[in-house]
Amino acid sequence: MSNKLADQQQLVLEVAMHRRPALIAGQVVSAGQWFAVLKATAMLVRLGVPEVLPLLDVTLDGQGALAAEVGGQRWNRAGPVGRFGMAPRTALVAAGLLAVALEVAAAEEESELVARLIPLAAAGRMRWKERRPDLLTHVALPSVFRAALDAVLGGQARRQ
């Protein structure tokens, strides 16, 4: 396991155990909201595959695993566009999604958060065809993240 992955896992554990503040764009949020941001970001990444792959700071193996998973149509066909049925199929995919989500969450201010979300949302739009992703309205996201999504999606993050 790489040092970076171990550090990422340590951060997740520390936030979950309330040993480290959960920060989004420099603002303290609840641990639940912090994890909601990670989940929403991972969903944006999954929606944006394959277009988003070159933008990700993950190994080529991780990119390949993510592309194979999404290419295998792991969509929950019973639900609306943007809903994923299950957790990532492999640890490699989960680690790749976590790396990207933590990078987004590490933005120190809202403008930086917006800048990190723009390429993910742009790639994802190709998949969801201008409809807002379902998850963005059903997850308790912190206001700073929702504001950044509104800036990126043109207010779509508020729609139900």
N, C-alpha and C. Protein backbone atom coordinates (compact mmCIF):
# COMPACT_ATOMS: atom_id res chain seq x y z
N MET A 1 0.86 -1.18 0.00
CA MET A 1 0.00 0.00 0.00
C MET A 1 0.90 1.24 0.00
N SER A 2 0.52 2.23 -0.78
CA SER A 2 1.32 3.44 -0.86
C SER A 2 1.14 4.28 0.39
N ASN A 3 2.12 5.15 0.65
CA ASN A 3 2.01 6.06 1.79
C ASN A 3 0.82 7.00 1.61
N LYS A 4 0.58 7.45 0.38
CA LYS A 4 -0.52 8.37 0.11
C LYS A 4 -1.86 7.71 0.45
N LEU A 5 -2.05 6.47 0.03
CA LEU A 5 -3.29 5.76 0.32
C LEU A 5 -3.45 5.55 1.83
N ALA A 6 -2.37 5.20 2.50
CA ALA A 6 -2.42 5.01 3.95
C ALA A 6 -2.78 6.32 4.64
N ASP A 7 -2.20 7.43 4.18
CA ASP A 7 -2.52 8.75 4.75
C ASP A 7 -3.99 9.10 4.52
N GLN A 8 -4.50 8.77 3.33
CA GLN A 8 -5.91 9.05 3.03
C GLN A 8 -6.83 8.24 3.94
N GLN A 9 -6.49 6.98 4.12
CA GLN A 9 -7.30 6.14 4.99
C GLN A 9 -7.24 6.62 6.44
N GLN A 10 -6.07 7.09 6.86
CA GLN A 10 -5.92 7.62 8.21
C GLN A 10 -6.79 8.87 8.39
N LEU A 11 -6.81 9.74 7.40
CA LEU A 11 -7.65 10.94 7.46
C LEU A 11 -9.12 10.56 7.60
N VAL A 12 -9.56 9.61 6.81
CA VAL A 12 -10.96 9.17 6.87
C VAL A 12 -11.29 8.65 8.27
N LEU A 13 -10.41 7.84 8.82
CA LEU A 13 -10.64 7.31 10.17
C LEU A 13 -10.66 8.42 11.22
N GLU A 14 -9.76 9.37 11.10
CA GLU A 14 -9.70 10.47 12.08
C GLU A 14 -10.95 11.34 12.03
N VAL A 15 -11.46 11.60 10.83
CA VAL A 15 -12.71 12.36 10.72
C VAL A 15 -13.87 11.54 11.28
N ALA A 16 -13.91 10.26 10.94
CA ALA A 16 -15.00 9.40 11.41
C ALA A 16 -15.02 9.30 12.94
N MET A 17 -13.85 9.30 13.54
CA MET A 17 -13.74 9.17 15.00
C MET A 17 -13.74 10.54 15.70
N HIS A 18 -13.95 11.60 14.93
CA HIS A 18 -13.98 12.97 15.46
C HIS A 18 -12.66 13.38 16.11
N ARG A 19 -11.56 12.86 15.58
CA ARG A 19 -10.23 13.22 16.07
C ARG A 19 -9.61 14.33 15.25
N ARG A 20 -10.26 14.65 14.14
CA ARG A 20 -9.80 15.72 13.25
C ARG A 20 -11.05 16.41 12.74
N PRO A 21 -11.01 17.75 12.65
CA PRO A 21 -12.20 18.44 12.14
C PRO A 21 -12.44 18.10 10.67
N ALA A 22 -13.71 18.01 10.32
CA ALA A 22 -14.12 17.78 8.94
C ALA A 22 -14.22 19.15 8.27
N LEU A 23 -13.37 19.40 7.30
CA LEU A 23 -13.32 20.70 6.63
C LEU A 23 -13.69 20.59 5.17
N ILE A 24 -14.54 21.49 4.71
CA ILE A 24 -14.85 21.65 3.29
C ILE A 24 -14.69 23.12 2.99
N ALA A 25 -13.79 23.43 2.07
CA ALA A 25 -13.52 24.82 1.66
C ALA A 25 -13.21 25.69 2.89
N GLY A 26 -12.45 25.13 3.82
CA GLY A 26 -12.04 25.88 5.00
C GLY A 26 -13.10 26.00 6.08
N GLN A 27 -14.27 25.44 5.86
CA GLN A 27 -15.35 25.53 6.83
C GLN A 27 -15.53 24.19 7.54
N VAL A 28 -15.71 24.24 8.84
CA VAL A 28 -15.95 23.02 9.61
C VAL A 28 -17.37 22.56 9.35
N VAL A 29 -17.50 21.29 9.00
CA VAL A 29 -18.81 20.67 8.77
C VAL A 29 -18.87 19.41 9.64
N SER A 30 -20.03 18.82 9.73
CA SER A 30 -20.14 17.57 10.49
C SER A 30 -19.45 16.45 9.72
N ALA A 31 -19.09 15.41 10.45
CA ALA A 31 -18.47 14.26 9.79
C ALA A 31 -19.43 13.67 8.75
N GLY A 32 -20.72 13.64 9.06
CA GLY A 32 -21.70 13.13 8.10
C GLY A 32 -21.73 13.95 6.82
N GLN A 33 -21.66 15.26 6.97
CA GLN A 33 -21.65 16.13 5.78
C GLN A 33 -20.36 15.94 4.99
N TRP A 34 -19.24 15.76 5.68
CA TRP A 34 -17.96 15.55 5.02
C TRP A 34 -18.01 14.27 4.18
N PHE A 35 -18.56 13.20 4.77
CA PHE A 35 -18.69 11.95 4.02
C PHE A 35 -19.68 12.09 2.88
N ALA A 36 -20.71 12.91 3.05
CA ALA A 36 -21.65 13.16 1.96
C ALA A 36 -20.95 13.84 0.79
N VAL A 37 -20.02 14.74 1.08
CA VAL A 37 -19.24 15.39 0.02
C VAL A 37 -18.40 14.35 -0.72
N LEU A 38 -17.77 13.45 0.03
CA LEU A 38 -16.97 12.40 -0.62
C LEU A 38 -17.86 11.54 -1.52
N LYS A 39 -19.03 11.19 -1.03
CA LYS A 39 -19.96 10.36 -1.79
C LYS A 39 -20.44 11.09 -3.05
N ALA A 40 -20.81 12.35 -2.93
CA ALA A 40 -21.28 13.12 -4.08
C ALA A 40 -20.17 13.29 -5.11
N THR A 41 -18.95 13.53 -4.64
CA THR A 41 -17.82 13.70 -5.56
C THR A 41 -17.54 12.39 -6.29
N ALA A 42 -17.57 11.28 -5.57
CA ALA A 42 -17.34 9.98 -6.20
C ALA A 42 -18.42 9.72 -7.26
N MET A 43 -19.65 10.12 -6.97
CA MET A 43 -20.73 9.94 -7.93
C MET A 43 -20.47 10.77 -9.19
N LEU A 44 -19.99 12.01 -9.01
CA LEU A 44 -19.67 12.83 -10.18
C LEU A 44 -18.58 12.19 -11.02
N VAL A 45 -17.58 11.61 -10.35
CA VAL A 45 -16.50 10.94 -11.08
C VAL A 45 -17.07 9.76 -11.86
N ARG A 46 -17.88 8.94 -11.20
CA ARG A 46 -18.43 7.77 -11.88
C ARG A 46 -19.31 8.16 -13.05
N LEU A 47 -20.06 9.25 -12.91
CA LEU A 47 -20.88 9.72 -14.03
C LEU A 47 -20.04 10.21 -15.19
N GLY A 48 -18.85 10.72 -14.90
CA GLY A 48 -18.01 11.32 -15.93
C GLY A 48 -17.10 10.36 -16.66
N VAL A 49 -17.06 9.10 -16.26
CA VAL A 49 -16.21 8.13 -16.94
C VAL A 49 -16.82 7.82 -18.30
N PRO A 50 -16.06 7.77 -19.37
CA PRO A 50 -14.61 7.77 -19.45
C PRO A 50 -13.99 9.15 -19.63
N GLU A 51 -14.81 10.18 -19.92
CA GLU A 51 -14.25 11.50 -20.22
C GLU A 51 -13.41 12.06 -19.09
N VAL A 52 -13.75 11.74 -17.86
CA VAL A 52 -13.07 12.31 -16.71
C VAL A 52 -11.74 11.61 -16.39
N LEU A 53 -11.50 10.43 -16.94
CA LEU A 53 -10.32 9.66 -16.57
C LEU A 53 -9.00 10.41 -16.70
N PRO A 54 -8.77 11.16 -17.78
CA PRO A 54 -7.49 11.87 -17.88
C PRO A 54 -7.31 12.96 -16.81
N LEU A 55 -8.39 13.39 -16.19
CA LEU A 55 -8.32 14.43 -15.17
C LEU A 55 -7.99 13.89 -13.79
N LEU A 56 -8.07 12.59 -13.61
CA LEU A 56 -7.92 12.00 -12.29
C LEU A 56 -6.47 11.74 -11.94
N ASP A 57 -6.14 12.01 -10.68
CA ASP A 57 -4.80 11.74 -10.19
C ASP A 57 -4.79 10.36 -9.53
N VAL A 58 -5.05 9.35 -10.35
CA VAL A 58 -5.01 7.96 -9.88
C VAL A 58 -4.17 7.16 -10.86
N THR A 59 -3.73 6.01 -10.41
CA THR A 59 -2.87 5.18 -11.25
C THR A 59 -3.62 4.74 -12.51
N LEU A 60 -2.85 4.35 -13.50
CA LEU A 60 -3.47 3.84 -14.72
C LEU A 60 -4.28 2.59 -14.42
N ASP A 61 -3.82 1.77 -13.48
CA ASP A 61 -4.59 0.59 -13.08
C ASP A 61 -5.93 1.02 -12.49
N GLY A 62 -5.90 2.06 -11.66
CA GLY A 62 -7.13 2.57 -11.06
C GLY A 62 -8.07 3.13 -12.10
N GLN A 63 -7.52 3.85 -13.07
CA GLN A 63 -8.35 4.38 -14.15
C GLN A 63 -8.98 3.25 -14.94
N GLY A 64 -8.19 2.22 -15.22
CA GLY A 64 -8.70 1.08 -15.97
C GLY A 64 -9.79 0.34 -15.22
N ALA A 65 -9.61 0.18 -13.91
CA ALA A 65 -10.61 -0.50 -13.09
C ALA A 65 -11.91 0.29 -13.05
N LEU A 66 -11.79 1.61 -12.92
CA LEU A 66 -12.98 2.46 -12.88
C LEU A 66 -13.70 2.42 -14.23
N ALA A 67 -12.93 2.51 -15.31
CA ALA A 67 -13.54 2.45 -16.64
C ALA A 67 -14.23 1.12 -16.87
N ALA A 68 -13.61 0.03 -16.43
CA ALA A 68 -14.21 -1.29 -16.61
C ALA A 68 -15.49 -1.42 -15.79
N GLU A 69 -15.49 -0.88 -14.58
CA GLU A 69 -16.67 -0.97 -13.73
C GLU A 69 -17.83 -0.20 -14.34
N VAL A 70 -17.58 1.04 -14.73
CA VAL A 70 -18.64 1.85 -15.31
C VAL A 70 -19.04 1.31 -16.68
N GLY A 71 -18.05 0.84 -17.42
CA GLY A 71 -18.33 0.26 -18.73
C GLY A 71 -19.18 -0.98 -18.62
N GLY A 72 -19.13 -1.65 -17.48
CA GLY A 72 -19.93 -2.83 -17.25
C GLY A 72 -21.36 -2.49 -16.88
N GLN A 73 -21.72 -1.20 -16.97
CA GLN A 73 -23.08 -0.75 -16.71
C GLN A 73 -23.59 -1.17 -15.35
N ARG A 74 -22.87 -0.76 -14.30
CA ARG A 74 -23.29 -1.10 -12.95
C ARG A 74 -24.34 -0.12 -12.46
N TRP A 75 -25.09 0.48 -13.34
CA TRP A 75 -26.16 1.39 -12.96
C TRP A 75 -27.30 0.59 -12.34
N ASN A 76 -27.97 1.20 -11.43
CA ASN A 76 -29.16 0.59 -10.87
C ASN A 76 -30.29 0.89 -11.85
N ARG A 77 -30.64 -0.06 -12.66
CA ARG A 77 -31.61 0.18 -13.72
C ARG A 77 -33.02 0.45 -13.18
N ALA A 78 -33.27 0.09 -11.93
CA ALA A 78 -34.58 0.34 -11.35
C ALA A 78 -34.75 1.80 -10.94
N GLY A 79 -33.62 2.52 -10.83
CA GLY A 79 -33.68 3.90 -10.37
C GLY A 79 -33.39 4.88 -11.48
N PRO A 80 -33.50 6.17 -11.18
CA PRO A 80 -33.26 7.21 -12.18
C PRO A 80 -31.78 7.35 -12.51
N VAL A 81 -31.50 8.07 -13.58
CA VAL A 81 -30.13 8.33 -13.99
C VAL A 81 -29.39 8.98 -12.83
N GLY A 82 -28.17 8.55 -12.59
CA GLY A 82 -27.37 9.13 -11.54
C GLY A 82 -27.35 8.29 -10.27
N ARG A 83 -28.17 7.27 -10.21
CA ARG A 83 -28.17 6.38 -9.05
C ARG A 83 -27.27 5.19 -9.35
N PHE A 84 -26.40 4.87 -8.42
CA PHE A 84 -25.57 3.69 -8.56
C PHE A 84 -26.09 2.64 -7.60
N GLY A 85 -26.13 1.41 -8.07
CA GLY A 85 -26.70 0.34 -7.28
C GLY A 85 -25.89 -0.04 -6.07
N MET A 86 -24.58 -0.20 -6.20
CA MET A 86 -23.80 -0.74 -5.12
C MET A 86 -22.49 0.02 -4.99
N ALA A 87 -21.77 -0.31 -3.93
CA ALA A 87 -20.45 0.26 -3.71
C ALA A 87 -19.50 -0.20 -4.82
N PRO A 88 -18.36 0.47 -4.95
CA PRO A 88 -17.40 0.02 -5.96
C PRO A 88 -17.09 -1.47 -5.80
N ARG A 89 -16.92 -2.11 -6.93
CA ARG A 89 -16.73 -3.56 -6.95
C ARG A 89 -15.37 -3.99 -6.43
N THR A 90 -14.35 -3.14 -6.62
CA THR A 90 -13.00 -3.54 -6.20
C THR A 90 -12.39 -2.46 -5.30
N ALA A 91 -11.39 -2.89 -4.53
CA ALA A 91 -10.67 -1.96 -3.67
C ALA A 91 -9.92 -0.92 -4.51
N LEU A 92 -9.46 -1.32 -5.67
CA LEU A 92 -8.75 -0.40 -6.56
C LEU A 92 -9.66 0.74 -7.00
N VAL A 93 -10.89 0.43 -7.34
CA VAL A 93 -11.85 1.46 -7.73
C VAL A 93 -12.17 2.34 -6.53
N ALA A 94 -12.41 1.74 -5.39
CA ALA A 94 -12.73 2.51 -4.18
C ALA A 94 -11.58 3.46 -3.83
N ALA A 95 -10.36 2.97 -3.91
CA ALA A 95 -9.20 3.81 -3.60
C ALA A 95 -9.08 4.97 -4.59
N GLY A 96 -9.34 4.72 -5.85
CA GLY A 96 -9.28 5.77 -6.86
C GLY A 96 -10.34 6.84 -6.62
N LEU A 97 -11.55 6.40 -6.33
CA LEU A 97 -12.64 7.35 -6.05
C LEU A 97 -12.34 8.16 -4.79
N LEU A 98 -11.82 7.49 -3.76
CA LEU A 98 -11.48 8.18 -2.52
C LEU A 98 -10.40 9.23 -2.76
N ALA A 99 -9.39 8.88 -3.55
CA ALA A 99 -8.30 9.83 -3.82
C ALA A 99 -8.84 11.11 -4.46
N VAL A 100 -9.71 10.96 -5.45
CA VAL A 100 -10.26 12.13 -6.13
C VAL A 100 -11.17 12.91 -5.19
N ALA A 101 -12.03 12.21 -4.46
CA ALA A 101 -12.96 12.88 -3.56
C ALA A 101 -12.22 13.65 -2.47
N LEU A 102 -11.16 13.07 -1.93
CA LEU A 102 -10.39 13.76 -0.90
C LEU A 102 -9.67 14.98 -1.47
N GLU A 103 -9.23 14.89 -2.71
CA GLU A 103 -8.58 16.03 -3.36
C GLU A 103 -9.57 17.18 -3.50
N VAL A 104 -10.79 16.88 -3.89
CA VAL A 104 -11.83 17.91 -4.00
C VAL A 104 -12.13 18.48 -2.62
N ALA A 105 -12.32 17.61 -1.65
CA ALA A 105 -12.67 18.04 -0.29
C ALA A 105 -11.56 18.87 0.36
N ALA A 106 -10.32 18.69 -0.09
CA ALA A 106 -9.19 19.40 0.50
C ALA A 106 -9.08 20.86 0.05
N ALA A 107 -9.94 21.29 -0.85
CA ALA A 107 -9.92 22.70 -1.28
C ALA A 107 -10.03 23.59 -0.05
N GLU A 108 -9.23 24.63 -0.01
CA GLU A 108 -9.18 25.48 1.18
C GLU A 108 -10.18 26.63 1.16
N GLU A 109 -10.74 26.93 0.01
CA GLU A 109 -11.76 27.98 -0.07
C GLU A 109 -12.75 27.64 -1.16
N GLU A 110 -13.89 28.33 -1.14
CA GLU A 110 -14.97 27.97 -2.06
C GLU A 110 -14.57 28.11 -3.52
N SER A 111 -13.80 29.13 -3.88
CA SER A 111 -13.41 29.29 -5.29
C SER A 111 -12.54 28.13 -5.75
N GLU A 112 -11.71 27.62 -4.87
CA GLU A 112 -10.88 26.46 -5.20
C GLU A 112 -11.74 25.20 -5.32
N LEU A 113 -12.74 25.09 -4.47
CA LEU A 113 -13.68 23.97 -4.53
C LEU A 113 -14.41 23.98 -5.87
N VAL A 114 -14.89 25.15 -6.28
CA VAL A 114 -15.57 25.29 -7.57
C VAL A 114 -14.64 24.87 -8.69
N ALA A 115 -13.40 25.34 -8.66
CA ALA A 115 -12.43 25.00 -9.71
C ALA A 115 -12.19 23.49 -9.79
N ARG A 116 -12.19 22.81 -8.66
CA ARG A 116 -11.97 21.37 -8.65
C ARG A 116 -13.21 20.60 -9.12
N LEU A 117 -14.39 21.17 -8.94
CA LEU A 117 -15.62 20.50 -9.34
C LEU A 117 -15.94 20.70 -10.82
N ILE A 118 -15.51 21.81 -11.40
CA ILE A 118 -15.86 22.13 -12.79
C ILE A 118 -15.54 21.00 -13.77
N PRO A 119 -14.31 20.47 -13.80
CA PRO A 119 -14.05 19.41 -14.79
C PRO A 119 -14.84 18.14 -14.53
N LEU A 120 -15.09 17.83 -13.26
CA LEU A 120 -15.87 16.63 -12.95
C LEU A 120 -17.31 16.79 -13.41
N ALA A 121 -17.89 17.94 -13.13
CA ALA A 121 -19.28 18.19 -13.53
C ALA A 121 -19.41 18.27 -15.05
N ALA A 122 -18.42 18.88 -15.70
CA ALA A 122 -18.47 19.00 -17.17
C ALA A 122 -18.47 17.61 -17.80
N ALA A 123 -17.62 16.72 -17.31
CA ALA A 123 -17.57 15.37 -17.86
C ALA A 123 -18.85 14.60 -17.51
N GLY A 124 -19.33 14.78 -16.30
CA GLY A 124 -20.54 14.09 -15.87
C GLY A 124 -21.77 14.50 -16.65
N ARG A 125 -21.84 15.76 -17.06
CA ARG A 125 -23.00 16.26 -17.81
C ARG A 125 -23.24 15.47 -19.08
N MET A 126 -22.14 14.99 -19.69
CA MET A 126 -22.31 14.20 -20.91
C MET A 126 -23.14 12.96 -20.62
N ARG A 127 -22.96 12.40 -19.42
CA ARG A 127 -23.67 11.17 -19.05
C ARG A 127 -25.09 11.47 -18.61
N TRP A 128 -25.27 12.54 -17.80
CA TRP A 128 -26.62 12.76 -17.28
C TRP A 128 -27.44 13.70 -18.14
N LYS A 129 -26.88 14.14 -19.24
CA LYS A 129 -27.60 14.90 -20.27
C LYS A 129 -28.36 16.09 -19.70
N GLU A 130 -27.64 16.90 -18.94
CA GLU A 130 -28.13 18.16 -18.37
C GLU A 130 -29.15 18.00 -17.24
N ARG A 131 -29.56 16.79 -16.92
CA ARG A 131 -30.42 16.60 -15.75
C ARG A 131 -29.52 16.55 -14.53
N ARG A 132 -30.00 17.06 -13.42
CA ARG A 132 -29.19 17.02 -12.23
C ARG A 132 -29.05 15.58 -11.74
N PRO A 133 -27.86 15.21 -11.23
CA PRO A 133 -27.71 13.86 -10.70
C PRO A 133 -28.61 13.67 -9.48
N ASP A 134 -29.28 12.57 -9.42
CA ASP A 134 -30.21 12.24 -8.35
C ASP A 134 -29.60 12.41 -6.96
N LEU A 135 -28.38 11.94 -6.79
CA LEU A 135 -27.74 11.94 -5.49
C LEU A 135 -27.57 13.34 -4.92
N LEU A 136 -27.43 14.33 -5.77
CA LEU A 136 -27.15 15.67 -5.27
C LEU A 136 -28.33 16.27 -4.52
N THR A 137 -29.51 15.74 -4.69
CA THR A 137 -30.67 16.27 -3.96
C THR A 137 -31.08 15.36 -2.81
N HIS A 138 -30.51 14.19 -2.72
CA HIS A 138 -30.90 13.23 -1.69
C HIS A 138 -29.83 13.02 -0.63
N VAL A 139 -28.79 13.80 -0.65
CA VAL A 139 -27.71 13.68 0.33
C VAL A 139 -27.60 15.01 1.07
N ALA A 140 -27.41 14.94 2.38
CA ALA A 140 -27.30 16.14 3.21
C ALA A 140 -25.92 16.77 3.05
N LEU A 141 -25.77 17.55 1.99
CA LEU A 141 -24.50 18.21 1.71
C LEU A 141 -24.39 19.51 2.48
N PRO A 142 -23.17 19.87 2.92
CA PRO A 142 -23.01 21.16 3.60
C PRO A 142 -23.26 22.31 2.64
N SER A 143 -23.68 23.43 3.19
CA SER A 143 -24.07 24.57 2.35
C SER A 143 -22.92 25.06 1.48
N VAL A 144 -21.68 25.00 1.96
CA VAL A 144 -20.55 25.48 1.15
C VAL A 144 -20.37 24.59 -0.08
N PHE A 145 -20.58 23.28 0.06
CA PHE A 145 -20.45 22.38 -1.08
C PHE A 145 -21.62 22.57 -2.04
N ARG A 146 -22.82 22.71 -1.49
CA ARG A 146 -23.99 22.93 -2.33
C ARG A 146 -23.84 24.24 -3.11
N ALA A 147 -23.30 25.28 -2.47
CA ALA A 147 -23.07 26.56 -3.16
C ALA A 147 -22.07 26.37 -4.31
N ALA A 148 -21.03 25.59 -4.06
CA ALA A 148 -20.04 25.33 -5.12
C ALA A 148 -20.69 24.55 -6.26
N LEU A 149 -21.52 23.58 -5.93
CA LEU A 149 -22.23 22.83 -6.98
C LEU A 149 -23.18 23.75 -7.75
N ASP A 150 -23.86 24.64 -7.04
CA ASP A 150 -24.75 25.59 -7.71
C ASP A 150 -23.96 26.43 -8.71
N ALA A 151 -22.77 26.85 -8.30
CA ALA A 151 -21.92 27.66 -9.20
C ALA A 151 -21.52 26.84 -10.43
N VAL A 152 -21.24 25.59 -10.25
CA VAL A 152 -20.79 24.72 -11.34
C VAL A 152 -21.95 24.26 -12.21
N LEU A 153 -23.07 23.92 -11.57
CA LEU A 153 -24.22 23.35 -12.29
C LEU A 153 -25.28 24.38 -12.64
N GLY A 154 -25.07 25.63 -12.31
CA GLY A 154 -26.04 26.66 -12.65
C GLY A 154 -27.33 26.53 -11.87
N GLY A 155 -27.24 26.19 -10.58
CA GLY A 155 -28.43 26.11 -9.75
C GLY A 155 -29.10 24.75 -9.75
N GLN A 156 -28.61 23.80 -10.56
CA GLN A 156 -29.23 22.48 -10.62
C GLN A 156 -29.12 21.73 -9.30
N ALA A 157 -28.11 22.04 -8.48
CA ALA A 157 -27.91 21.29 -7.24
C ALA A 157 -29.06 21.50 -6.26
N ARG A 158 -29.83 22.59 -6.42
CA ARG A 158 -30.94 22.87 -5.50
C ARG A 158 -32.23 22.21 -5.92
N ARG A 159 -32.33 21.80 -7.17
CA ARG A 159 -33.59 21.25 -7.68
C ARG A 159 -33.87 19.89 -7.06
N GLN A 160 -35.14 19.64 -6.85
CA GLN A 160 -35.54 18.33 -6.30
C GLN A 160 -36.14 17.49 -7.40
